[in-house]
Protein backbone atom coordinates (compact mmCIF):
# COMPACT_ATOMS: atom_id res chain seq x y z
CA MET A 1 -45.12 -44.76 72.37
CA SER A 2 -42.07 -46.60 73.60
CA TYR A 3 -38.49 -45.37 73.00
CA HIS A 4 -37.96 -48.36 70.70
CA ASN A 5 -41.04 -47.56 68.61
CA SER A 6 -40.08 -43.94 68.38
CA ASN A 7 -36.46 -44.79 67.42
CA HIS A 8 -37.82 -47.14 64.80
CA MET A 9 -40.02 -44.52 63.30
CA VAL A 10 -37.08 -42.14 63.15
CA THR A 11 -35.02 -44.77 61.28
CA ILE A 12 -37.81 -45.43 58.80
CA LYS A 13 -38.30 -41.70 58.16
CA ARG A 14 -34.51 -41.29 57.65
CA LYS A 15 -34.35 -44.20 55.21
CA ARG A 16 -37.27 -42.74 53.33
CA ASN A 17 -35.63 -39.32 53.12
CA GLU A 18 -32.28 -40.91 52.07
CA ALA A 19 -34.11 -42.65 49.27
CA VAL A 20 -35.56 -39.32 48.12
CA PHE A 21 -32.15 -37.66 48.07
CA ARG A 22 -30.61 -40.57 46.17
CA ALA A 23 -33.44 -40.38 43.67
CA ILE A 24 -33.06 -36.73 42.88
CA ALA A 25 -29.15 -36.97 42.80
CA ASP A 26 -29.34 -38.14 39.17
CA PRO A 27 -30.01 -35.42 36.47
CA THR A 28 -32.17 -37.76 34.37
CA ARG A 29 -34.45 -38.48 37.30
CA ARG A 30 -34.75 -34.71 38.18
CA GLU A 31 -35.72 -34.17 34.43
CA ILE A 32 -38.31 -36.86 34.57
CA LEU A 33 -39.79 -35.19 37.63
CA GLY A 34 -39.76 -31.94 35.78
CA LEU A 35 -41.72 -33.53 32.89
CA LEU A 36 -44.27 -34.97 35.38
CA ARG A 37 -44.87 -31.59 36.89
CA ALA A 38 -47.00 -30.86 33.82
CA GLY A 39 -49.14 -33.92 34.37
CA GLU A 40 -49.28 -37.62 33.86
CA ARG A 41 -47.29 -39.17 31.01
CA SER A 42 -46.89 -42.65 29.65
CA VAL A 43 -43.51 -44.37 29.96
CA GLY A 44 -43.13 -44.06 26.20
CA GLU A 45 -43.79 -40.26 26.24
CA ILE A 46 -41.28 -39.89 29.07
CA ALA A 47 -38.66 -42.00 27.22
CA SER A 48 -39.14 -39.96 24.00
CA ASN A 49 -37.52 -37.02 25.75
CA PHE A 50 -34.27 -38.79 26.42
CA ARG A 51 -31.36 -40.29 24.36
CA CYS A 52 -31.05 -43.31 26.64
CA SER A 53 -32.95 -46.48 26.02
CA ARG A 54 -36.54 -47.08 27.22
CA PRO A 55 -35.28 -49.80 29.66
CA ALA A 56 -32.92 -47.30 31.20
CA ILE A 57 -35.84 -44.80 31.65
CA SER A 58 -37.92 -47.64 33.14
CA LYS A 59 -35.11 -48.27 35.62
CA HIS A 60 -35.06 -44.60 36.61
CA LEU A 61 -38.91 -44.68 36.99
CA ARG A 62 -38.69 -47.75 39.15
CA LEU A 63 -36.27 -45.92 41.43
CA LEU A 64 -38.41 -42.80 41.50
CA ARG A 65 -41.38 -44.97 42.38
CA SER A 66 -39.54 -46.73 45.20
CA ALA A 67 -38.70 -43.37 46.68
CA GLY A 68 -42.35 -42.50 46.54
CA LEU A 69 -41.83 -39.53 44.01
CA VAL A 70 -43.64 -41.16 41.18
CA THR A 71 -46.98 -42.98 40.98
CA ALA A 72 -47.92 -45.44 38.19
CA HIS A 73 -51.13 -46.99 37.08
CA ARG A 74 -52.43 -48.56 33.88
CA ARG A 75 -54.88 -46.94 31.56
CA GLY A 76 -55.76 -49.23 28.75
CA THR A 77 -52.46 -50.47 27.36
CA SER A 78 -50.41 -47.63 28.76
CA ASN A 79 -48.51 -47.33 31.98
CA LEU A 80 -49.08 -43.74 33.21
CA CYS A 81 -46.79 -42.01 35.57
CA GLY A 82 -47.56 -39.08 37.82
CA LEU A 83 -45.65 -36.92 40.13
CA ASN A 84 -46.02 -37.20 43.94
CA ALA A 85 -44.12 -34.16 45.24
CA LYS A 86 -44.88 -34.75 48.94
CA PRO A 87 -41.65 -36.62 49.63
CA LEU A 88 -39.74 -33.59 48.32
CA ARG A 89 -40.75 -31.83 51.55
CA ALA A 90 -37.79 -33.58 53.09
CA VAL A 91 -35.45 -31.76 50.73
CA ASN A 92 -37.22 -28.48 51.36
CA ASP A 93 -36.91 -28.98 55.12
CA TRP A 94 -33.18 -29.70 54.72
CA LEU A 95 -32.63 -26.59 52.58
CA GLN A 96 -34.51 -24.37 54.97
CA ASP A 97 -31.68 -24.64 57.51
CA TYR A 98 -29.22 -23.39 54.84
CA GLN A 99 -31.55 -20.63 53.75
CA ALA A 100 -31.56 -19.32 57.23
CA PHE A 101 -27.79 -19.55 57.37
CA TRP A 102 -27.39 -17.67 54.13
CA SER A 103 -29.88 -14.97 55.11
CA GLU A 104 -27.97 -14.36 58.28
CA SER A 105 -24.67 -14.23 56.36
CA LEU A 106 -26.09 -11.75 53.82
CA ARG A 107 -27.48 -9.58 56.70
CA SER A 108 -24.07 -9.58 58.27
CA LEU A 109 -22.42 -8.68 55.01
CA LYS A 110 -24.90 -5.82 54.38
CA THR A 111 -24.20 -4.52 57.84
CA TYR A 112 -20.52 -4.69 57.38
CA ILE A 113 -20.63 -2.88 54.06
CA GLU A 114 -22.89 -0.18 55.43
CA GLU A 115 -20.67 0.42 58.43
CA ASN A 116 -17.40 0.31 56.42
CA PRO A 117 -17.79 2.37 53.31
């Protein structure tokens, strides 16, 4: 793989990850993802859990779909939405660095407290 192709793949992955972070930045969208953890739901079922309008929920769902976090398909007259948690691995990977930082900080604090009663 040439440097250009490799660099292009990194850019695509970065943009995909940025879309995921933007999508989960909104509390309504995080709540929608939480609802979908329990299984597929129709757009109407999702919208019934919120005070905002159904078109507003549809807009949130479009953004979640574009980030790859939500799948959608028709069943009869309903649009069913499902969770695709795979893109959230980017968030988990990012948080792992901070988990290691905090673990080390807590170990240092524990050592300090034990050595300085």
